[in-house]
Amino acid sequence: MYNSPLGDLRRSIDEITSYQELALSKMVKLIAQNHPHYSKKFRELGIEISDISTLAALESLPITEKSELVLNPDNFRLKPAAGAEDEYVIWDIVYSAGTSSSPTPIYQTSYDFRGILLAQIRMAEIRGMDNRSRIMNLYPITTHPHGAWLRANNAAAALGASITAGMSGRDFGSFELTRKSAEIVNLTVDTNPTVLWGVPSYIREVLSKVASSGKKLPELNMIAVSGEPCTSAMRKSLTELAESVSNTAVKVSDSLGASELQCGLVECEFGSGFHNPAPELFFLEALDQNGRRVAEGEIGSLAITHLDRRGTVLLRYLLGDKVQITYKNCEDCGRGGGRIVAHKGREGRFTKIRGNLVNLDELLRVLAENTSILEFQIEIHKQSKTDSLSLDELTIRIVPGPSCNTSDIADQVSKAIKIKPVVVVVSREEIWVNENSLKATRIIDSRDYS
């Protein structure tokens, strides 16, 4: 039902590389003429970007840090090219969750949206969805548009599948439109989905309530997850819960999503690695600390390069993940285009809490600058001490000053990082456990990543 130059990606490395290099040579010419950030940066560095025509030549370009995009996101939008203005019409804007006190907009044009639909169809094919799938979208509605909720709905439209949105989240403004937990559970049962799609910990919560109520999801056969790590324990728990309420075997399909891609890298089978679903649109690299590509299979910092976009366009952009990449065709499904064969966690000062990417430096700054707090400590943990798979919780322990108000602190943090914390008052001794240390331990992440 769709057409693309690379078909279903069961192509040789040479065929895919050849197409990517053709796309890259066209992309860099547009960037040289119409990209405010890169045209200025490369001119100052004396780099003639329009000469770049191979993937190997990309290594001559500097990396792009997340902080550069956060500082001035509008400078990463292409200016419309003469004669192709329709390609640059803004289709939608999504925000990279929690990367700063002011979430970073990612711009999609009408042209980009068609590419996103291609990527979503491919993701579905790789995972094993088709137009007979009935999807339950369990992502929440957020105050800033986030790609997860939107793209699940877009994927169903492009695929020709049916979808129901759970509509979780908090109400905003005068409009009370979100559903409570019990309503979402009942809606899930009533629609009899074949696919549950969302953050793993929240899907587990829904499944637990379905199971405890004695109800069934008889045709459920897939759980598609992203937004937070899906550990082996979480995968096992999801599978057991799902199969206790279904009449069929249930596959858990993990992915690595990124707002800057507006799609996810997905598994065909467990252990196969996270496939690039659209090598026509972007290229993956694993880089060393000097920005050089590491040998295939070695651990490096994940960088993406857009090959065919018109809105926000990024070159060698560091996503903040440590990965191992291969460009060999998958042993399970035969697809090429690049795969992350091992994800080694995030680097820098970002972490995911309940599916939101949180800038820990921003959180530290907000608390350090609050003069009503004498001491503080941050803990990221699970809501239940006895259930390592329960939802994430953010707890802030404070030693208060005379004018301290815990509700104000919670509101201030929520505004800064879009996560509502639990704020508790403690003694100084509970924070400064080790009096021999020159520094208190400010951040504790007690979640189990095994």
Protein backbone atom coordinates (compact mmCIF):
# COMPACT_ATOMS: atom_id res chain seq x y z
CA MET A 1 0.00 0.00 0.00
CA TYR A 2 3.05 2.28 0.18
CA ASN A 3 6.10 2.81 -1.98
CA SER A 4 9.64 3.69 -0.96
CA PRO A 5 12.99 3.38 -2.74
CA LEU A 6 14.25 0.73 -0.32
CA GLY A 7 11.11 -1.39 -0.05
CA ASP A 8 11.04 -3.60 3.04
CA LEU A 9 14.80 -3.14 3.83
CA ARG A 10 15.83 -6.66 2.85
CA ARG A 11 18.61 -5.12 0.78
CA SER A 12 22.37 -5.43 0.82
CA ILE A 13 24.56 -3.06 2.81
CA ASP A 14 25.87 -1.58 -0.44
CA GLU A 15 22.37 -0.89 -1.78
CA ILE A 16 21.25 0.84 1.41
CA THR A 17 24.51 2.80 1.75
CA SER A 18 24.28 3.95 -1.87
CA TYR A 19 20.78 5.30 -1.33
CA GLN A 20 21.74 6.98 1.97
CA GLU A 21 24.70 8.73 0.34
CA LEU A 22 22.51 10.02 -2.47
CA ALA A 23 20.06 11.39 0.13
CA LEU A 24 22.91 12.87 2.18
CA SER A 25 24.39 14.73 -0.79
CA LYS A 26 21.00 16.38 -1.44
CA MET A 27 20.45 17.13 2.25
CA VAL A 28 23.77 18.89 2.81
CA LYS A 29 23.15 21.19 -0.14
CA LEU A 30 19.86 22.30 1.43
CA ILE A 31 21.63 22.73 4.77
CA ALA A 32 24.42 24.83 3.24
CA GLN A 33 21.87 27.20 1.73
CA ASN A 34 19.03 27.25 4.26
CA HIS A 35 20.05 26.01 7.72
CA PRO A 36 20.68 28.96 10.09
CA HIS A 37 22.82 27.07 12.63
CA TYR A 38 24.94 24.84 10.42
CA SER A 39 25.50 27.25 7.53
CA LYS A 40 26.93 29.81 9.99
CA LYS A 41 28.88 27.24 12.04
CA PHE A 42 30.54 25.54 9.08
CA ARG A 43 31.34 28.86 7.41
CA GLU A 44 33.15 29.94 10.59
CA LEU A 45 35.02 26.60 10.70
CA GLY A 46 35.96 26.82 7.02
CA ILE A 47 34.05 23.61 6.17
CA GLU A 48 32.38 23.35 2.77
CA ILE A 49 29.48 21.15 3.80
CA SER A 50 27.99 20.93 0.31
CA ASP A 51 31.00 18.80 -0.68
CA ILE A 52 29.98 16.03 1.74
CA SER A 53 28.69 13.13 -0.35
CA THR A 54 29.57 9.92 1.53
CA LEU A 55 28.77 8.51 4.95
CA ALA A 56 32.50 8.22 5.61
CA ALA A 57 32.90 11.97 4.94
CA LEU A 58 30.42 12.73 7.73
CA GLU A 59 33.29 12.13 10.15
CA SER A 60 34.86 15.39 9.00
CA LEU A 61 31.94 17.28 10.59
CA PRO A 62 31.80 18.16 14.29
CA ILE A 63 29.21 16.60 16.56
CA THR A 64 26.10 18.50 17.66
CA GLU A 65 25.43 18.58 21.40
CA LYS A 66 21.92 18.53 22.84
CA SER A 67 22.71 21.83 24.57
CA GLU A 68 23.09 23.55 21.17
CA LEU A 69 19.58 22.56 20.15
CA VAL A 70 18.12 23.50 23.54
CA LEU A 71 19.75 26.93 23.39
CA ASN A 72 18.11 27.96 20.12
CA PRO A 73 15.80 25.33 18.57
CA ASP A 74 14.49 27.69 15.87
CA ASN A 75 18.00 27.95 14.44
CA PHE A 76 17.83 24.23 13.56
CA ARG A 77 14.84 24.69 11.24
CA LEU A 78 15.50 24.82 7.51
CA LYS A 79 14.35 27.98 5.77
CA PRO A 80 11.98 27.21 2.86
CA ALA A 81 13.68 26.55 -0.46
CA ALA A 82 12.39 28.58 -3.39
CA GLY A 83 9.87 26.65 -5.48
CA ALA A 84 9.25 24.01 -2.78
CA GLU A 85 7.37 26.07 -0.19
CA ASP A 86 4.69 23.38 0.32
CA GLU A 87 7.34 21.02 1.70
CA TYR A 88 8.03 23.47 4.55
CA VAL A 89 4.50 24.03 5.86
CA ILE A 90 4.53 23.23 9.60
CA TRP A 91 2.47 20.09 10.17
CA ASP A 92 3.02 19.71 13.92
CA ILE A 93 5.40 20.56 16.73
CA VAL A 94 6.36 18.10 19.46
CA TYR A 95 8.57 18.67 22.47
CA SER A 96 11.53 16.69 23.68
CA ALA A 97 10.30 15.71 27.13
CA GLY A 98 12.06 17.20 30.12
CA THR A 99 15.31 18.25 28.48
CA SER A 100 15.20 21.70 30.11
CA SER A 101 12.97 24.00 32.11
CA SER A 102 11.58 25.08 28.73
CA PRO A 103 10.89 21.89 26.70
CA THR A 104 12.57 21.88 23.31
CA PRO A 105 10.34 22.05 20.21
CA ILE A 106 10.96 19.69 17.29
CA TYR A 107 9.33 20.95 14.08
CA GLN A 108 7.73 18.63 11.52
CA THR A 109 6.70 19.93 8.10
CA SER A 110 4.16 18.42 5.71
CA TYR A 111 7.09 16.73 3.95
CA ASP A 112 8.46 15.34 7.21
CA PHE A 113 5.08 13.98 8.27
CA ARG A 114 4.94 11.74 5.20
CA GLY A 115 8.35 10.39 6.17
CA ILE A 116 7.14 9.80 9.73
CA LEU A 117 4.21 7.79 8.38
CA LEU A 118 6.64 5.64 6.36
CA ALA A 119 8.74 5.07 9.50
CA GLN A 120 5.64 4.16 11.52
CA ILE A 121 4.48 1.63 8.91
CA ARG A 122 7.95 0.05 8.91
CA MET A 123 8.04 -0.05 12.72
CA ALA A 124 4.71 -1.87 12.70
CA GLU A 125 5.90 -4.34 10.04
CA ILE A 126 9.14 -5.08 11.89
CA ARG A 127 7.23 -5.65 15.14
CA GLY A 128 4.57 -7.82 13.51
CA MET A 129 1.55 -5.50 13.45
CA ASP A 130 -0.72 -5.21 10.42
CA ASN A 131 -4.03 -3.68 9.39
CA ARG A 132 -5.91 -6.30 11.41
CA SER A 133 -4.33 -5.05 14.64
CA ARG A 134 -6.54 -3.36 17.23
CA ILE A 135 -4.32 -1.02 19.22
CA MET A 136 -4.89 0.41 22.69
CA ASN A 137 -2.85 3.61 23.02
CA LEU A 138 -1.92 3.82 26.72
CA TYR A 139 0.43 6.80 26.46
CA PRO A 140 -0.71 9.82 28.51
CA ILE A 141 -1.77 13.19 27.18
CA THR A 142 0.81 15.77 28.26
CA THR A 143 0.69 19.56 28.50
CA HIS A 144 3.40 19.85 25.83
CA PRO A 145 2.71 17.73 22.71
CA HIS A 146 4.81 14.58 22.90
CA GLY A 147 5.50 12.25 20.00
CA ALA A 148 4.52 9.01 21.75
CA TRP A 149 0.77 9.68 22.02
CA LEU A 150 0.56 11.34 18.60
CA ARG A 151 2.59 8.81 16.65
CA ALA A 152 0.74 5.77 17.99
CA ASN A 153 -2.43 7.27 16.51
CA ASN A 154 -0.62 8.20 13.28
CA ALA A 155 0.79 4.66 13.01
CA ALA A 156 -2.68 3.14 13.15
CA ALA A 157 -3.92 5.54 10.47
CA ALA A 158 -1.01 4.77 8.14
CA LEU A 159 -1.28 1.05 8.77
CA GLY A 160 -5.04 0.94 8.33
CA ALA A 161 -5.47 -0.50 11.82
CA SER A 162 -8.00 0.49 14.47
CA ILE A 163 -6.93 2.32 17.63
CA THR A 164 -8.45 3.44 20.92
CA ALA A 165 -6.77 6.09 23.08
CA GLY A 166 -6.85 5.54 26.83
CA MET A 167 -6.56 9.29 27.46
CA SER A 168 -4.68 9.09 30.75
CA GLY A 169 -2.86 12.10 32.16
CA ARG A 170 -3.85 15.12 34.22
CA ASP A 171 -6.57 17.54 33.23
CA PHE A 172 -5.36 20.91 32.00
CA GLY A 173 -7.13 24.25 32.01
CA SER A 174 -10.92 24.20 31.97
CA PHE A 175 -11.24 20.92 30.06
CA GLU A 176 -11.73 17.70 32.02
CA LEU A 177 -11.15 15.16 29.28
CA THR A 178 -8.73 12.59 30.70
CA ARG A 179 -9.97 9.25 32.00
CA LYS A 180 -9.41 7.80 35.44
CA SER A 181 -7.65 4.49 35.93
CA ALA A 182 -10.84 2.42 36.32
CA GLU A 183 -12.31 3.94 33.16
CA ILE A 184 -9.18 3.09 31.19
CA VAL A 185 -9.22 -0.50 32.42
CA ASN A 186 -12.89 -0.90 31.45
CA LEU A 187 -12.30 0.71 28.05
CA THR A 188 -9.36 -1.60 27.43
CA VAL A 189 -11.50 -4.65 28.18
CA ASP A 190 -14.43 -3.38 26.12
CA THR A 191 -12.36 -2.77 22.98
CA ASN A 192 -10.64 -6.20 23.14
CA PRO A 193 -7.28 -5.00 21.72
CA THR A 194 -4.65 -7.17 20.10
CA VAL A 195 -1.90 -4.64 20.98
CA LEU A 196 -1.24 -2.59 24.11
CA TRP A 197 1.13 0.31 23.33
CA GLY A 198 2.73 2.55 25.96
CA VAL A 199 5.24 2.86 28.81
CA PRO A 200 5.96 -0.61 30.27
CA SER A 201 5.28 0.23 33.93
CA TYR A 202 1.90 1.76 33.10
CA ILE A 203 0.90 -1.14 30.84
CA ARG A 204 1.79 -3.46 33.71
CA GLU A 205 -0.45 -1.46 36.03
CA VAL A 206 -3.38 -1.73 33.60
CA LEU A 207 -2.80 -5.46 33.08
CA SER A 208 -2.63 -6.03 36.85
CA LYS A 209 -6.02 -4.38 37.30
CA VAL A 210 -7.54 -6.34 34.43
CA ALA A 211 -6.24 -9.58 35.95
CA SER A 212 -7.36 -8.76 39.50
CA SER A 213 -10.85 -7.95 38.25
CA GLY A 214 -11.16 -11.38 36.68
CA LYS A 215 -11.69 -9.89 33.22
CA LYS A 216 -10.03 -10.95 29.96
CA LEU A 217 -8.27 -9.52 26.91
CA PRO A 218 -8.79 -12.71 24.89
CA GLU A 219 -7.09 -11.66 21.63
CA LEU A 220 -4.14 -9.70 23.06
CA ASN A 221 -0.97 -10.86 21.27
CA MET A 222 1.49 -7.97 21.56
CA ILE A 223 2.73 -5.38 24.05
CA ALA A 224 4.66 -2.58 22.31
CA VAL A 225 6.70 -0.53 24.77
CA SER A 226 8.97 2.51 24.87
CA GLY A 227 9.70 5.48 27.13
CA GLU A 228 11.62 3.69 29.89
CA PRO A 229 13.90 0.64 30.14
CA CYS A 230 12.11 -2.68 29.72
CA THR A 231 14.28 -4.89 31.91
CA SER A 232 14.28 -8.67 31.73
CA ALA A 233 12.21 -8.73 34.93
CA MET A 234 9.70 -6.28 33.47
CA ARG A 235 9.47 -8.27 30.22
CA LYS A 236 8.83 -11.47 32.18
CA SER A 237 6.18 -9.80 34.34
CA LEU A 238 4.41 -8.24 31.34
CA THR A 239 4.39 -11.56 29.50
CA GLU A 240 3.03 -13.50 32.48
CA LEU A 241 0.33 -10.93 33.24
CA ALA A 242 -0.70 -10.61 29.59
CA GLU A 243 -0.90 -14.34 29.04
CA SER A 244 -2.97 -14.76 32.21
CA VAL A 245 -5.73 -12.63 30.63
CA SER A 246 -5.28 -13.63 26.97
CA ASN A 247 -6.10 -16.80 25.06
CA THR A 248 -2.95 -16.50 22.94
CA ALA A 249 0.82 -16.16 23.35
CA VAL A 250 1.86 -12.53 23.87
CA LYS A 251 5.00 -10.92 22.43
CA VAL A 252 6.67 -8.00 24.21
CA SER A 253 8.23 -5.68 21.60
CA ASP A 254 10.68 -3.11 22.98
CA SER A 255 11.91 0.05 21.22
CA LEU A 256 14.23 3.01 21.62
CA GLY A 257 12.35 6.20 20.80
CA ALA A 258 13.59 9.75 20.34
CA SER A 259 11.68 12.99 19.86
CA GLU A 260 14.34 14.06 17.35
CA LEU A 261 13.42 11.06 15.16
CA GLN A 262 9.64 10.95 15.71
CA CYS A 263 9.81 7.16 15.57
CA GLY A 264 11.48 4.33 17.44
CA LEU A 265 14.19 1.79 16.72
CA VAL A 266 12.39 -1.52 17.15
CA GLU A 267 12.94 -5.24 17.65
CA CYS A 268 11.76 -7.86 15.16
CA GLU A 269 12.39 -10.52 17.79
CA PHE A 270 13.67 -10.35 21.34
CA GLY A 271 17.46 -10.08 21.25
CA SER A 272 17.63 -9.13 17.58
CA GLY A 273 18.58 -5.53 18.33
CA PHE A 274 16.80 -2.24 17.68
CA HIS A 275 16.34 -1.77 13.92
CA ASN A 276 16.47 1.56 12.12
CA PRO A 277 13.02 1.49 10.48
CA ALA A 278 13.77 4.28 7.99
CA PRO A 279 17.38 4.44 6.74
CA GLU A 280 16.04 6.71 3.97
CA LEU A 281 15.46 9.32 6.68
CA PHE A 282 18.34 9.03 9.11
CA PHE A 283 21.75 7.45 9.67
CA LEU A 284 23.03 6.01 12.98
CA GLU A 285 26.60 6.26 14.29
CA ALA A 286 28.40 5.17 17.46
CA LEU A 287 31.13 7.70 18.26
CA ASP A 288 34.15 7.93 20.54
CA GLN A 289 34.90 10.97 22.71
CA ASN A 290 36.60 12.67 19.75
CA GLY A 291 33.61 12.29 17.47
CA ARG A 292 35.18 9.49 15.43
CA ARG A 293 33.13 6.42 14.53
CA VAL A 294 34.09 3.43 16.67
CA ALA A 295 34.69 0.03 15.10
CA GLU A 296 31.50 -1.89 14.40
CA GLY A 297 30.33 -3.65 17.56
CA GLU A 298 32.30 -1.41 19.96
CA ILE A 299 30.54 0.83 22.48
CA GLY A 300 30.10 4.46 21.49
CA SER A 301 27.84 7.47 21.89
CA LEU A 302 24.75 7.27 19.68
CA ALA A 303 24.51 10.05 17.08
CA ILE A 304 21.87 10.59 14.39
CA THR A 305 22.04 12.43 11.10
CA HIS A 306 18.88 13.41 9.24
CA LEU A 307 19.06 12.48 5.57
CA ASP A 308 15.74 13.78 4.27
CA ARG A 309 13.92 16.39 6.38
CA ARG A 310 12.64 19.93 6.07
CA GLY A 311 11.75 21.04 9.62
CA THR A 312 14.22 20.50 12.48
CA VAL A 313 17.35 19.07 10.85
CA LEU A 314 20.29 17.65 12.82
CA LEU A 315 23.75 16.44 11.84
CA ARG A 316 25.75 14.03 14.02
CA TYR A 317 23.47 14.86 16.93
CA LEU A 318 24.25 13.08 20.21
CA LEU A 319 21.11 11.54 21.72
CA GLY A 320 22.76 10.70 25.05
CA ASP A 321 22.85 6.89 24.76
CA LYS A 322 25.79 4.46 24.91
CA VAL A 323 25.32 1.76 22.28
CA GLN A 324 26.84 -0.90 20.06
CA ILE A 325 25.83 -0.69 16.38
CA THR A 326 26.04 -3.08 13.45
CA TYR A 327 25.19 -2.38 9.80
CA LYS A 328 24.92 -6.08 8.93
CA ASN A 329 21.55 -7.47 7.93
CA CYS A 330 19.54 -8.96 10.77
CA GLU A 331 19.98 -12.71 11.26
CA ASP A 332 16.29 -13.04 12.20
CA CYS A 333 14.42 -10.90 9.66
CA GLY A 334 17.05 -10.08 7.01
CA ARG A 335 16.56 -6.32 7.20
CA GLY A 336 19.43 -3.84 6.93
CA GLY A 337 19.82 -0.14 7.61
CA GLY A 338 21.65 -0.26 10.93
CA ARG A 339 20.80 -1.84 14.28
CA ILE A 340 21.62 -1.11 17.89
CA VAL A 341 22.63 -4.57 19.07
CA ALA A 342 23.23 -3.47 22.66
CA HIS A 343 22.01 -0.47 24.63
CA LYS A 344 24.39 0.35 27.47
CA GLY A 345 22.32 3.05 29.15
CA ARG A 346 22.24 6.81 29.02
CA GLU A 347 25.20 9.12 29.48
CA GLY A 348 25.55 12.61 30.84
CA ARG A 349 23.01 14.15 33.23
CA PHE A 350 19.77 12.91 31.73
CA THR A 351 17.57 10.06 32.93
CA LYS A 352 14.08 8.83 32.17
CA ILE A 353 11.38 8.93 34.85
CA ARG A 354 7.96 7.56 33.91
CA GLY A 355 8.92 7.87 30.25
CA ASN A 356 10.00 11.53 30.51
CA LEU A 357 13.60 12.49 29.81
CA VAL A 358 14.64 14.55 32.84
CA ASN A 359 17.59 16.92 32.95
CA LEU A 360 19.12 16.22 36.36
CA ASP A 361 21.29 19.33 36.17
CA GLU A 362 18.15 21.46 35.82
CA LEU A 363 16.58 19.71 38.81
CA LEU A 364 19.72 20.28 40.90
CA ARG A 365 19.80 23.95 39.89
CA VAL A 366 16.16 24.54 40.89
CA LEU A 367 16.70 23.03 44.33
CA ALA A 368 20.11 24.66 44.92
CA GLU A 369 18.74 28.12 44.11
CA ASN A 370 15.78 27.80 46.49
CA THR A 371 16.87 29.77 49.54
CA SER A 372 14.16 28.21 51.73
CA ILE A 373 15.93 24.81 51.51
CA LEU A 374 18.92 24.21 53.77
CA GLU A 375 19.82 20.76 52.42
CA PHE A 376 18.30 18.45 49.84
CA GLN A 377 18.62 14.99 48.34
CA ILE A 378 16.92 13.46 45.30
CA GLU A 379 15.92 9.81 45.05
CA ILE A 380 14.50 8.13 41.96
CA HIS A 381 12.91 4.85 42.98
CA LYS A 382 9.96 2.55 42.50
CA GLN A 383 6.65 3.37 44.19
CA SER A 384 6.61 -0.04 45.88
CA LYS A 385 9.61 -1.26 47.85
CA THR A 386 8.47 -4.85 47.36
CA ASP A 387 7.70 -4.56 43.64
CA SER A 388 10.69 -3.59 41.52
CA LEU A 389 8.44 -3.25 38.47
CA SER A 390 6.07 -0.64 39.90
CA LEU A 391 5.90 2.92 38.56
CA ASP A 392 8.84 5.30 39.00
CA GLU A 393 8.67 7.82 41.84
CA LEU A 394 10.68 11.01 42.34
CA THR A 395 11.21 11.85 46.02
CA ILE A 396 12.95 14.99 47.20
CA ARG A 397 14.15 15.03 50.81
CA ILE A 398 14.71 18.47 52.26
CA VAL A 399 15.97 20.10 55.41
CA PRO A 400 13.69 23.15 55.50
CA GLY A 401 14.47 26.73 56.44
CA PRO A 402 12.02 28.99 58.32
CA SER A 403 9.97 30.01 55.26
CA CYS A 404 9.97 26.65 53.50
CA ASN A 405 6.73 25.34 51.95
CA THR A 406 6.80 21.78 50.60
CA SER A 407 3.87 22.38 48.24
CA ASP A 408 5.67 25.33 46.67
CA ILE A 409 8.79 23.20 46.17
CA ALA A 410 6.78 20.43 44.51
CA ASP A 411 5.14 22.96 42.18
CA GLN A 412 8.48 24.56 41.34
CA VAL A 413 10.05 21.22 40.46
CA SER A 414 7.00 20.15 38.45
CA LYS A 415 7.17 23.34 36.43
CA ALA A 416 10.88 22.88 35.74
CA ILE A 417 11.01 19.20 34.73
CA LYS A 418 7.33 18.26 34.17
CA ILE A 419 7.42 15.56 36.88
CA LYS A 420 5.50 16.01 40.15
CA PRO A 421 7.74 14.92 43.05
CA VAL A 422 6.98 13.74 46.55
CA VAL A 423 8.62 16.20 48.96
CA VAL A 424 9.46 14.96 52.47
CA VAL A 425 11.08 16.74 55.42
CA VAL A 426 14.08 14.98 56.96
CA SER A 427 16.94 15.76 59.33
CA ARG A 428 20.35 16.80 58.08
CA GLU A 429 21.80 13.50 59.34
CA GLU A 430 19.58 11.53 56.97
CA ILE A 431 21.19 13.31 54.01
CA TRP A 432 24.75 13.55 55.31
CA VAL A 433 25.08 9.85 56.14
CA ASN A 434 28.83 9.92 55.55
CA GLU A 435 30.25 12.83 57.56
CA ASN A 436 33.73 12.11 56.16
CA SER A 437 32.64 13.09 52.68
CA LEU A 438 33.20 16.60 51.36
CA LYS A 439 29.90 16.35 49.48
CA ALA A 440 26.49 14.97 50.31
CA THR A 441 25.07 12.43 47.89
CA ARG A 442 22.60 14.59 46.00
CA ILE A 443 21.13 12.03 43.58
CA ILE A 444 20.26 8.41 44.36
CA ASP A 445 18.79 6.19 41.65
CA SER A 446 17.66 3.04 43.43
CA ARG A 447 15.79 1.51 40.49
CA ASP A 448 16.82 -2.00 39.46
CA TYR A 449 18.19 -1.99 35.89
CA SER A 450 19.00 -5.70 35.79
